[in-house]
Amino acid sequence: MKKLNDWYSVFGGLTKQRTYRNQLGVTGVTPEWVKPGARWWYTHDRLRRAYRLLAKLIQREELFTYLRPEFAGLDISSSTNWIEGGTNAMLRDLLHRHRGMTEEHQRRAIEWWLLQHGAVAVEPHHLVRPEHHQPPVKAKPVPEADGPALYDTGLSAEEGLWQRHGWAGRS
């Protein structure tokens, strides 16, 4: 708290500096986060927000709560950020990188990742089931009929069903 107050006594003026639209002139560029009709904005907006956030947390006694003796021995997590940023983010990344997997394959991939990164890792040979040793049965292809289809469900532009616009089809 003392360091924050010391910082504010030296650099606090930066958090109060304003930029006025009429100071920029005709060719002046405003930041994208400034509202279109605003006549002024804080020059160092992000610095101001950071300082005010720390000041409010200190005022509410919510900053540095882990330094209090009554909380020293307890392992209390007030949020699930470590799950969202750690485990779930990695699983989302895995599924994003392999988007073409079926739902069953996605489940197996997540199980595999959790087993490999869990506290108690399982050896891969314990995961293999007897059906994994049998080769998959391929379906026999159905022979196609010779000649053109008498009635078909597909439509094509060659039949003249759609109008062409613009330069399409011109040479």
N, C-alpha and C. Protein backbone atom coordinates (compact mmCIF):
# COMPACT_ATOMS: atom_id res chain seq x y z
N MET A 1 0.83 -1.19 0.00
CA MET A 1 0.00 0.00 0.00
C MET A 1 0.87 1.24 0.00
N LYS A 2 1.99 1.17 0.75
CA LYS A 2 2.90 2.30 0.79
C LYS A 2 3.52 2.54 -0.59
N LYS A 3 3.89 1.45 -1.29
CA LYS A 3 4.49 1.60 -2.62
C LYS A 3 3.49 2.20 -3.61
N LEU A 4 2.23 1.82 -3.50
CA LEU A 4 1.22 2.38 -4.39
C LEU A 4 1.05 3.88 -4.11
N ASN A 5 1.05 4.25 -2.84
CA ASN A 5 0.96 5.68 -2.50
C ASN A 5 2.19 6.44 -2.95
N ASP A 6 3.37 5.83 -2.81
CA ASP A 6 4.60 6.48 -3.29
C ASP A 6 4.55 6.67 -4.80
N TRP A 7 4.08 5.65 -5.51
CA TRP A 7 3.97 5.76 -6.97
C TRP A 7 3.02 6.89 -7.34
N TYR A 8 1.89 6.97 -6.63
CA TYR A 8 0.90 7.99 -6.96
C TYR A 8 1.43 9.39 -6.67
N SER A 9 2.22 9.52 -5.62
CA SER A 9 2.76 10.85 -5.32
C SER A 9 3.72 11.32 -6.42
N VAL A 10 4.39 10.38 -7.10
CA VAL A 10 5.32 10.75 -8.17
C VAL A 10 4.59 10.84 -9.52
N PHE A 11 3.80 9.83 -9.86
CA PHE A 11 3.20 9.73 -11.20
C PHE A 11 1.69 9.93 -11.21
N GLY A 12 1.10 10.33 -10.12
CA GLY A 12 -0.35 10.48 -10.04
C GLY A 12 -0.91 11.47 -11.04
N GLY A 13 -0.11 12.46 -11.41
CA GLY A 13 -0.58 13.45 -12.38
C GLY A 13 -0.89 12.84 -13.73
N LEU A 14 -0.22 11.74 -14.08
CA LEU A 14 -0.50 11.08 -15.36
C LEU A 14 -1.91 10.53 -15.43
N THR A 15 -2.45 10.12 -14.28
CA THR A 15 -3.79 9.54 -14.28
C THR A 15 -4.86 10.61 -14.46
N LYS A 16 -4.49 11.89 -14.30
CA LYS A 16 -5.46 12.97 -14.43
C LYS A 16 -5.34 13.71 -15.75
N GLN A 17 -4.33 13.41 -16.54
CA GLN A 17 -4.14 14.13 -17.80
C GLN A 17 -5.28 13.82 -18.78
N ARG A 18 -5.73 14.89 -19.45
CA ARG A 18 -6.80 14.75 -20.43
C ARG A 18 -6.31 15.20 -21.79
N THR A 19 -6.90 14.60 -22.82
CA THR A 19 -6.66 15.04 -24.19
C THR A 19 -7.98 15.57 -24.72
N TYR A 20 -7.94 16.77 -25.27
CA TYR A 20 -9.14 17.39 -25.81
C TYR A 20 -9.13 17.27 -27.32
N ARG A 21 -10.31 17.03 -27.86
CA ARG A 21 -10.44 16.82 -29.30
C ARG A 21 -9.98 18.05 -30.08
N ASN A 22 -10.25 19.27 -29.58
CA ASN A 22 -9.86 20.47 -30.31
C ASN A 22 -8.33 20.69 -30.27
N GLN A 23 -7.60 20.02 -29.40
CA GLN A 23 -6.14 20.11 -29.37
C GLN A 23 -5.51 19.33 -30.52
N LEU A 24 -6.22 18.35 -31.05
CA LEU A 24 -5.66 17.49 -32.08
C LEU A 24 -5.60 18.16 -33.44
N GLY A 25 -6.42 19.14 -33.69
CA GLY A 25 -6.44 19.79 -35.00
C GLY A 25 -7.28 19.00 -35.99
N VAL A 26 -7.17 19.35 -37.24
CA VAL A 26 -7.98 18.73 -38.29
C VAL A 26 -7.53 17.31 -38.58
N THR A 27 -6.21 17.08 -38.61
CA THR A 27 -5.70 15.76 -38.99
C THR A 27 -5.48 14.85 -37.79
N GLY A 28 -5.87 15.27 -36.59
CA GLY A 28 -5.64 14.46 -35.39
C GLY A 28 -6.42 13.16 -35.41
N VAL A 29 -5.80 12.11 -34.93
CA VAL A 29 -6.43 10.80 -34.90
C VAL A 29 -6.81 10.49 -33.46
N THR A 30 -8.06 10.14 -33.25
CA THR A 30 -8.51 9.78 -31.92
C THR A 30 -8.36 8.28 -31.74
N PRO A 31 -8.13 7.82 -30.51
CA PRO A 31 -8.07 6.37 -30.28
C PRO A 31 -9.41 5.72 -30.61
N GLU A 32 -9.37 4.45 -30.97
CA GLU A 32 -10.60 3.77 -31.40
C GLU A 32 -11.59 3.57 -30.26
N TRP A 33 -11.14 3.59 -29.01
CA TRP A 33 -12.04 3.37 -27.89
C TRP A 33 -12.77 4.64 -27.46
N VAL A 34 -12.43 5.79 -28.04
CA VAL A 34 -13.08 7.05 -27.69
C VAL A 34 -14.43 7.11 -28.39
N LYS A 35 -15.45 7.51 -27.66
CA LYS A 35 -16.79 7.63 -28.24
C LYS A 35 -16.79 8.76 -29.27
N PRO A 36 -17.58 8.62 -30.35
CA PRO A 36 -17.55 9.61 -31.43
C PRO A 36 -17.83 11.05 -31.00
N GLY A 37 -18.72 11.28 -30.06
CA GLY A 37 -19.07 12.65 -29.68
C GLY A 37 -18.27 13.20 -28.50
N ALA A 38 -17.32 12.43 -27.98
CA ALA A 38 -16.60 12.86 -26.78
C ALA A 38 -15.70 14.05 -27.08
N ARG A 39 -15.73 15.05 -26.19
CA ARG A 39 -14.88 16.23 -26.37
C ARG A 39 -13.51 16.03 -25.74
N TRP A 40 -13.41 15.14 -24.75
CA TRP A 40 -12.12 14.86 -24.12
C TRP A 40 -12.10 13.42 -23.62
N TRP A 41 -10.91 12.91 -23.31
CA TRP A 41 -10.71 11.59 -22.74
C TRP A 41 -9.41 11.59 -21.97
N TYR A 42 -9.27 10.62 -21.09
CA TYR A 42 -8.03 10.53 -20.32
C TYR A 42 -6.91 10.04 -21.23
N THR A 43 -5.79 10.76 -21.19
CA THR A 43 -4.67 10.45 -22.08
C THR A 43 -4.10 9.08 -21.79
N HIS A 44 -3.95 8.76 -20.52
CA HIS A 44 -3.36 7.47 -20.11
C HIS A 44 -4.46 6.64 -19.46
N ASP A 45 -5.46 6.27 -20.25
CA ASP A 45 -6.65 5.60 -19.73
C ASP A 45 -6.33 4.26 -19.08
N ARG A 46 -5.49 3.45 -19.71
CA ARG A 46 -5.19 2.12 -19.15
C ARG A 46 -4.40 2.23 -17.85
N LEU A 47 -3.49 3.20 -17.76
CA LEU A 47 -2.75 3.44 -16.53
C LEU A 47 -3.70 3.88 -15.42
N ARG A 48 -4.64 4.75 -15.77
CA ARG A 48 -5.62 5.22 -14.80
C ARG A 48 -6.48 4.06 -14.29
N ARG A 49 -6.92 3.21 -15.20
CA ARG A 49 -7.75 2.07 -14.79
C ARG A 49 -6.97 1.12 -13.87
N ALA A 50 -5.73 0.86 -14.20
CA ALA A 50 -4.92 -0.05 -13.37
C ALA A 50 -4.73 0.52 -11.97
N TYR A 51 -4.41 1.81 -11.89
CA TYR A 51 -4.22 2.42 -10.57
C TYR A 51 -5.50 2.39 -9.76
N ARG A 52 -6.61 2.77 -10.40
CA ARG A 52 -7.89 2.81 -9.68
C ARG A 52 -8.32 1.42 -9.22
N LEU A 53 -8.04 0.39 -10.02
CA LEU A 53 -8.37 -0.98 -9.62
C LEU A 53 -7.59 -1.37 -8.36
N LEU A 54 -6.28 -1.11 -8.37
CA LEU A 54 -5.48 -1.44 -7.19
C LEU A 54 -5.92 -0.64 -5.98
N ALA A 55 -6.22 0.64 -6.15
CA ALA A 55 -6.64 1.48 -5.03
C ALA A 55 -7.95 0.97 -4.44
N LYS A 56 -8.91 0.58 -5.30
CA LYS A 56 -10.20 0.08 -4.79
C LYS A 56 -10.02 -1.25 -4.06
N LEU A 57 -9.18 -2.13 -4.60
CA LEU A 57 -8.96 -3.42 -3.94
C LEU A 57 -8.30 -3.24 -2.58
N ILE A 58 -7.38 -2.30 -2.48
CA ILE A 58 -6.74 -2.03 -1.19
C ILE A 58 -7.74 -1.44 -0.22
N GLN A 59 -8.58 -0.52 -0.70
CA GLN A 59 -9.57 0.12 0.16
C GLN A 59 -10.57 -0.91 0.70
N ARG A 60 -10.95 -1.88 -0.11
CA ARG A 60 -11.89 -2.92 0.32
C ARG A 60 -11.20 -4.07 1.06
N GLU A 61 -9.89 -3.97 1.19
CA GLU A 61 -9.06 -5.00 1.84
C GLU A 61 -9.20 -6.35 1.15
N GLU A 62 -9.26 -6.33 -0.19
CA GLU A 62 -9.35 -7.56 -0.96
C GLU A 62 -8.04 -7.88 -1.68
N LEU A 63 -7.08 -7.00 -1.61
CA LEU A 63 -5.79 -7.22 -2.25
C LEU A 63 -4.83 -7.77 -1.21
N PHE A 64 -4.03 -8.72 -1.59
CA PHE A 64 -3.03 -9.35 -0.71
C PHE A 64 -3.68 -10.05 0.48
N THR A 65 -4.84 -10.66 0.31
CA THR A 65 -5.49 -11.35 1.42
C THR A 65 -4.71 -12.59 1.86
N TYR A 66 -3.85 -13.12 0.96
CA TYR A 66 -3.08 -14.30 1.33
C TYR A 66 -2.02 -13.96 2.38
N LEU A 67 -1.75 -12.69 2.62
CA LEU A 67 -0.76 -12.31 3.63
C LEU A 67 -1.35 -12.30 5.03
N ARG A 68 -2.65 -12.41 5.15
CA ARG A 68 -3.27 -12.41 6.47
C ARG A 68 -3.00 -13.74 7.16
N PRO A 69 -2.67 -13.69 8.44
CA PRO A 69 -2.36 -14.94 9.16
C PRO A 69 -3.52 -15.92 9.22
N GLU A 70 -4.76 -15.43 9.28
CA GLU A 70 -5.89 -16.36 9.40
C GLU A 70 -6.11 -17.17 8.13
N PHE A 71 -5.57 -16.70 6.97
CA PHE A 71 -5.70 -17.44 5.73
C PHE A 71 -4.43 -18.20 5.37
N ALA A 72 -3.40 -18.10 6.18
CA ALA A 72 -2.09 -18.65 5.82
C ALA A 72 -2.11 -20.16 5.67
N GLY A 73 -2.80 -20.87 6.54
CA GLY A 73 -2.75 -22.32 6.51
C GLY A 73 -3.80 -22.96 5.63
N LEU A 74 -4.74 -22.21 5.09
CA LEU A 74 -5.84 -22.78 4.32
C LEU A 74 -5.56 -22.72 2.84
N ASP A 75 -5.97 -23.76 2.14
CA ASP A 75 -5.85 -23.79 0.69
C ASP A 75 -7.24 -23.55 0.10
N ILE A 76 -7.68 -22.31 0.13
CA ILE A 76 -9.01 -21.96 -0.33
C ILE A 76 -8.89 -21.26 -1.68
N SER A 77 -9.58 -21.80 -2.65
CA SER A 77 -9.60 -21.17 -3.96
C SER A 77 -10.94 -20.49 -4.15
N SER A 78 -10.90 -19.19 -4.43
CA SER A 78 -12.15 -18.46 -4.56
C SER A 78 -12.69 -18.49 -5.99
N SER A 79 -11.97 -19.11 -6.90
CA SER A 79 -12.45 -19.16 -8.28
C SER A 79 -11.98 -20.45 -8.94
N THR A 80 -12.45 -20.66 -10.15
CA THR A 80 -12.03 -21.81 -10.93
C THR A 80 -11.12 -21.39 -12.07
N ASN A 81 -10.46 -20.25 -11.94
CA ASN A 81 -9.60 -19.76 -13.02
C ASN A 81 -8.50 -20.75 -13.36
N TRP A 82 -7.98 -21.45 -12.39
CA TRP A 82 -6.90 -22.40 -12.67
C TRP A 82 -7.40 -23.57 -13.51
N ILE A 83 -8.70 -23.88 -13.41
CA ILE A 83 -9.26 -24.93 -14.25
C ILE A 83 -9.48 -24.39 -15.66
N GLU A 84 -10.07 -23.19 -15.76
CA GLU A 84 -10.37 -22.62 -17.06
C GLU A 84 -9.10 -22.32 -17.85
N GLY A 85 -8.10 -21.78 -17.18
CA GLY A 85 -6.87 -21.42 -17.87
C GLY A 85 -5.93 -22.59 -18.06
N GLY A 86 -6.08 -23.63 -17.28
CA GLY A 86 -5.17 -24.76 -17.37
C GLY A 86 -5.77 -25.92 -18.13
N THR A 87 -6.58 -26.69 -17.46
CA THR A 87 -7.11 -27.92 -18.03
C THR A 87 -8.08 -27.67 -19.18
N ASN A 88 -9.12 -26.87 -18.94
CA ASN A 88 -10.14 -26.68 -19.98
C ASN A 88 -9.58 -26.01 -21.21
N ALA A 89 -8.67 -25.06 -21.04
CA ALA A 89 -8.09 -24.39 -22.21
C ALA A 89 -7.31 -25.37 -23.07
N MET A 90 -6.59 -26.28 -22.43
CA MET A 90 -5.83 -27.27 -23.19
C MET A 90 -6.76 -28.24 -23.92
N LEU A 91 -7.86 -28.61 -23.27
CA LEU A 91 -8.81 -29.52 -23.92
C LEU A 91 -9.51 -28.84 -25.09
N ARG A 92 -9.89 -27.56 -24.92
CA ARG A 92 -10.48 -26.82 -26.04
C ARG A 92 -9.50 -26.71 -27.20
N ASP A 93 -8.23 -26.47 -26.88
CA ASP A 93 -7.21 -26.36 -27.93
C ASP A 93 -7.05 -27.70 -28.65
N LEU A 94 -7.06 -28.80 -27.90
CA LEU A 94 -6.95 -30.12 -28.51
C LEU A 94 -8.10 -30.37 -29.48
N LEU A 95 -9.33 -30.07 -29.05
CA LEU A 95 -10.50 -30.30 -29.90
C LEU A 95 -10.51 -29.33 -31.08
N HIS A 96 -9.99 -28.12 -30.88
CA HIS A 96 -9.96 -27.15 -31.99
C HIS A 96 -8.95 -27.59 -33.05
N ARG A 97 -7.82 -28.11 -32.62
CA ARG A 97 -6.79 -28.53 -33.57
C ARG A 97 -7.22 -29.77 -34.36
N HIS A 98 -8.10 -30.57 -33.79
CA HIS A 98 -8.57 -31.79 -34.46
C HIS A 98 -10.08 -31.71 -34.63
N ARG A 99 -10.53 -30.73 -35.39
CA ARG A 99 -11.96 -30.45 -35.54
C ARG A 99 -12.74 -31.55 -36.25
N GLY A 100 -12.10 -32.38 -37.05
CA GLY A 100 -12.81 -33.36 -37.84
C GLY A 100 -13.16 -34.64 -37.12
N MET A 101 -12.83 -34.76 -35.84
CA MET A 101 -13.09 -36.00 -35.12
C MET A 101 -14.58 -36.18 -34.85
N THR A 102 -14.99 -37.44 -34.83
CA THR A 102 -16.36 -37.74 -34.44
C THR A 102 -16.49 -37.50 -32.94
N GLU A 103 -17.74 -37.51 -32.46
CA GLU A 103 -17.96 -37.25 -31.04
C GLU A 103 -17.30 -38.33 -30.17
N GLU A 104 -17.40 -39.57 -30.59
CA GLU A 104 -16.76 -40.65 -29.83
C GLU A 104 -15.25 -40.49 -29.83
N HIS A 105 -14.68 -40.13 -30.96
CA HIS A 105 -13.24 -39.92 -31.05
C HIS A 105 -12.81 -38.74 -30.18
N GLN A 106 -13.64 -37.70 -30.10
CA GLN A 106 -13.34 -36.55 -29.24
C GLN A 106 -13.30 -36.98 -27.78
N ARG A 107 -14.27 -37.83 -27.38
CA ARG A 107 -14.27 -38.32 -25.99
C ARG A 107 -13.00 -39.10 -25.68
N ARG A 108 -12.60 -39.95 -26.61
CA ARG A 108 -11.39 -40.76 -26.41
C ARG A 108 -10.15 -39.86 -26.33
N ALA A 109 -10.11 -38.82 -27.16
CA ALA A 109 -8.97 -37.90 -27.16
C ALA A 109 -8.88 -37.16 -25.83
N ILE A 110 -10.03 -36.73 -25.31
CA ILE A 110 -10.04 -36.03 -24.02
C ILE A 110 -9.62 -36.98 -22.90
N GLU A 111 -10.14 -38.23 -22.93
CA GLU A 111 -9.73 -39.22 -21.93
C GLU A 111 -8.22 -39.44 -21.99
N TRP A 112 -7.70 -39.56 -23.19
CA TRP A 112 -6.27 -39.79 -23.36
C TRP A 112 -5.46 -38.63 -22.78
N TRP A 113 -5.89 -37.39 -23.08
CA TRP A 113 -5.18 -36.22 -22.58
C TRP A 113 -5.23 -36.17 -21.06
N LEU A 114 -6.41 -36.43 -20.49
CA LEU A 114 -6.55 -36.39 -19.03
C LEU A 114 -5.71 -37.48 -18.37
N LEU A 115 -5.66 -38.66 -18.99
CA LEU A 115 -4.86 -39.73 -18.41
C LEU A 115 -3.37 -39.40 -18.48
N GLN A 116 -2.93 -38.78 -19.56
CA GLN A 116 -1.52 -38.46 -19.72
C GLN A 116 -1.09 -37.29 -18.83
N HIS A 117 -2.00 -36.38 -18.52
CA HIS A 117 -1.64 -35.21 -17.74
C HIS A 117 -2.18 -35.26 -16.31
N GLY A 118 -2.79 -36.34 -15.93
CA GLY A 118 -3.34 -36.45 -14.59
C GLY A 118 -2.28 -36.81 -13.57
N ALA A 119 -2.67 -36.77 -12.31
CA ALA A 119 -1.73 -37.09 -11.24
C ALA A 119 -1.34 -38.57 -11.28
N VAL A 120 -2.29 -39.42 -11.65
CA VAL A 120 -2.02 -40.84 -11.74
C VAL A 120 -2.15 -41.23 -13.22
N ALA A 121 -1.04 -41.28 -13.91
CA ALA A 121 -1.06 -41.62 -15.33
C ALA A 121 -1.22 -43.13 -15.50
N VAL A 122 -1.99 -43.54 -16.49
CA VAL A 122 -2.20 -44.94 -16.79
C VAL A 122 -1.35 -45.29 -18.01
N GLU A 123 -0.72 -46.44 -17.96
CA GLU A 123 0.09 -46.88 -19.09
C GLU A 123 -0.82 -47.18 -20.28
N PRO A 124 -0.39 -46.82 -21.49
CA PRO A 124 -1.25 -47.00 -22.67
C PRO A 124 -1.70 -48.44 -22.92
N HIS A 125 -0.86 -49.43 -22.59
CA HIS A 125 -1.26 -50.81 -22.87
C HIS A 125 -2.43 -51.26 -22.00
N HIS A 126 -2.73 -50.54 -20.91
CA HIS A 126 -3.90 -50.87 -20.09
C HIS A 126 -5.19 -50.34 -20.71
N LEU A 127 -5.09 -49.44 -21.67
CA LEU A 127 -6.27 -48.86 -22.30
C LEU A 127 -6.76 -49.66 -23.50
N VAL A 128 -5.94 -50.54 -24.03
CA VAL A 128 -6.29 -51.30 -25.23
C VAL A 128 -7.28 -52.40 -24.87
N ARG A 129 -8.37 -52.45 -25.63
CA ARG A 129 -9.39 -53.47 -25.42
C ARG A 129 -9.28 -54.54 -26.50
N PRO A 130 -9.88 -55.72 -26.32
CA PRO A 130 -9.76 -56.79 -27.33
C PRO A 130 -10.27 -56.39 -28.71
N GLU A 131 -11.30 -55.55 -28.79
CA GLU A 131 -11.82 -55.18 -30.10
C GLU A 131 -10.85 -54.30 -30.89
N HIS A 132 -9.86 -53.75 -30.21
CA HIS A 132 -8.86 -52.95 -30.91
C HIS A 132 -7.90 -53.82 -31.73
N HIS A 133 -7.80 -55.10 -31.39
CA HIS A 133 -6.89 -56.00 -32.10
C HIS A 133 -7.50 -56.56 -33.38
N GLN A 134 -8.81 -56.45 -33.55
CA GLN A 134 -9.46 -56.99 -34.75
C GLN A 134 -9.53 -55.90 -35.81
N PRO A 135 -9.15 -56.24 -37.05
CA PRO A 135 -9.23 -55.21 -38.10
C PRO A 135 -10.69 -54.87 -38.39
N PRO A 136 -10.97 -53.62 -38.74
CA PRO A 136 -12.36 -53.24 -39.02
C PRO A 136 -12.86 -53.93 -40.29
N VAL A 137 -14.14 -54.27 -40.28
CA VAL A 137 -14.77 -54.93 -41.43
C VAL A 137 -15.19 -53.85 -42.42
N LYS A 138 -14.68 -53.97 -43.65
CA LYS A 138 -15.03 -53.01 -44.69
C LYS A 138 -16.31 -53.45 -45.39
N ALA A 139 -17.17 -52.50 -45.65
CA ALA A 139 -18.41 -52.79 -46.37
C ALA A 139 -18.09 -52.97 -47.85
N LYS A 140 -18.79 -53.93 -48.48
CA LYS A 140 -18.57 -54.16 -49.90
C LYS A 140 -19.24 -53.04 -50.70
N PRO A 141 -18.56 -52.54 -51.73
CA PRO A 141 -19.17 -51.46 -52.51
C PRO A 141 -20.35 -51.97 -53.33
N VAL A 142 -21.35 -51.15 -53.46
CA VAL A 142 -22.55 -51.48 -54.23
C VAL A 142 -22.27 -51.12 -55.69
N PRO A 143 -22.44 -52.07 -56.62
CA PRO A 143 -22.17 -51.73 -58.03
C PRO A 143 -23.19 -50.73 -58.54
N GLU A 144 -22.70 -49.79 -59.36
CA GLU A 144 -23.58 -48.77 -59.93
C GLU A 144 -24.21 -49.30 -61.21
N ALA A 145 -25.40 -48.83 -61.50
CA ALA A 145 -26.11 -49.25 -62.71
C ALA A 145 -25.44 -48.61 -63.93
N ASP A 146 -25.42 -49.34 -65.05
CA ASP A 146 -24.84 -48.80 -66.28
C ASP A 146 -25.79 -47.82 -66.93
N GLY A 147 -25.25 -46.78 -67.54
CA GLY A 147 -26.06 -45.82 -68.28
C GLY A 147 -26.50 -44.65 -67.41
N PRO A 148 -27.15 -43.68 -68.04
CA PRO A 148 -27.58 -42.49 -67.29
C PRO A 148 -28.80 -42.78 -66.43
N ALA A 149 -28.98 -41.98 -65.42
CA ALA A 149 -30.13 -42.13 -64.54
C ALA A 149 -31.37 -41.61 -65.25
N LEU A 150 -32.46 -42.34 -65.15
CA LEU A 150 -33.69 -41.91 -65.80
C LEU A 150 -34.28 -40.72 -65.05
N TYR A 151 -34.35 -40.83 -63.75
CA TYR A 151 -34.84 -39.74 -62.91
C TYR A 151 -33.77 -39.49 -61.86
N ASP A 152 -33.46 -38.22 -61.65
CA ASP A 152 -32.40 -37.90 -60.71
C ASP A 152 -32.87 -36.77 -59.80
N THR A 153 -32.29 -36.66 -58.66
CA THR A 153 -32.68 -35.61 -57.70
C THR A 153 -31.76 -34.41 -57.75
N GLY A 154 -30.62 -34.51 -58.41
CA GLY A 154 -29.68 -33.40 -58.45
C GLY A 154 -30.02 -32.40 -59.54
N LEU A 155 -29.77 -31.14 -59.28
CA LEU A 155 -29.98 -30.08 -60.25
C LEU A 155 -28.62 -29.54 -60.67
N SER A 156 -28.52 -29.12 -61.91
CA SER A 156 -27.25 -28.57 -62.36
C SER A 156 -27.51 -27.33 -63.21
N ALA A 157 -26.51 -26.47 -63.32
CA ALA A 157 -26.64 -25.23 -64.09
C ALA A 157 -26.72 -25.53 -65.58
N GLU A 158 -26.21 -26.68 -66.03
CA GLU A 158 -26.25 -27.03 -67.44
C GLU A 158 -27.68 -27.21 -67.94
N GLU A 159 -28.60 -27.50 -67.05
CA GLU A 159 -29.98 -27.68 -67.44
C GLU A 159 -30.69 -26.34 -67.64
N GLY A 160 -30.01 -25.23 -67.33
CA GLY A 160 -30.58 -23.91 -67.51
C GLY A 160 -31.58 -23.53 -66.44
N LEU A 161 -31.42 -24.06 -65.24
CA LEU A 161 -32.38 -23.79 -64.18
C LEU A 161 -32.12 -22.47 -63.47
N TRP A 162 -30.92 -21.92 -63.58
CA TRP A 162 -30.58 -20.69 -62.89
C TRP A 162 -30.15 -19.64 -63.89
N GLN A 163 -30.46 -18.40 -63.60
CA GLN A 163 -29.97 -17.33 -64.45
C GLN A 163 -28.54 -17.00 -64.07
N ARG A 164 -27.79 -16.58 -65.06
CA ARG A 164 -26.42 -16.17 -64.79
C ARG A 164 -26.35 -14.65 -64.79
N HIS A 165 -25.63 -14.10 -63.85
CA HIS A 165 -25.50 -12.66 -63.72
C HIS A 165 -24.03 -12.28 -63.82
N GLY A 166 -23.74 -11.09 -64.25
CA GLY A 166 -22.37 -10.59 -64.26
C GLY A 166 -21.55 -11.22 -65.36
N TRP A 167 -20.30 -11.47 -65.07
CA TRP A 167 -19.35 -11.95 -66.05
C TRP A 167 -19.26 -13.48 -66.09
N ALA A 168 -20.05 -14.17 -65.32
CA ALA A 168 -19.95 -15.62 -65.26
C ALA A 168 -20.26 -16.24 -66.61
N GLY A 169 -19.38 -17.08 -67.08
CA GLY A 169 -19.61 -17.81 -68.30
C GLY A 169 -19.17 -17.10 -69.56
N ARG A 170 -18.79 -15.83 -69.45
CA ARG A 170 -18.33 -15.12 -70.67
C ARG A 170 -16.87 -15.40 -70.91
N SER A 171 -16.50 -15.40 -72.14
CA SER A 171 -15.09 -15.63 -72.45
C SER A 171 -14.37 -14.35 -72.78
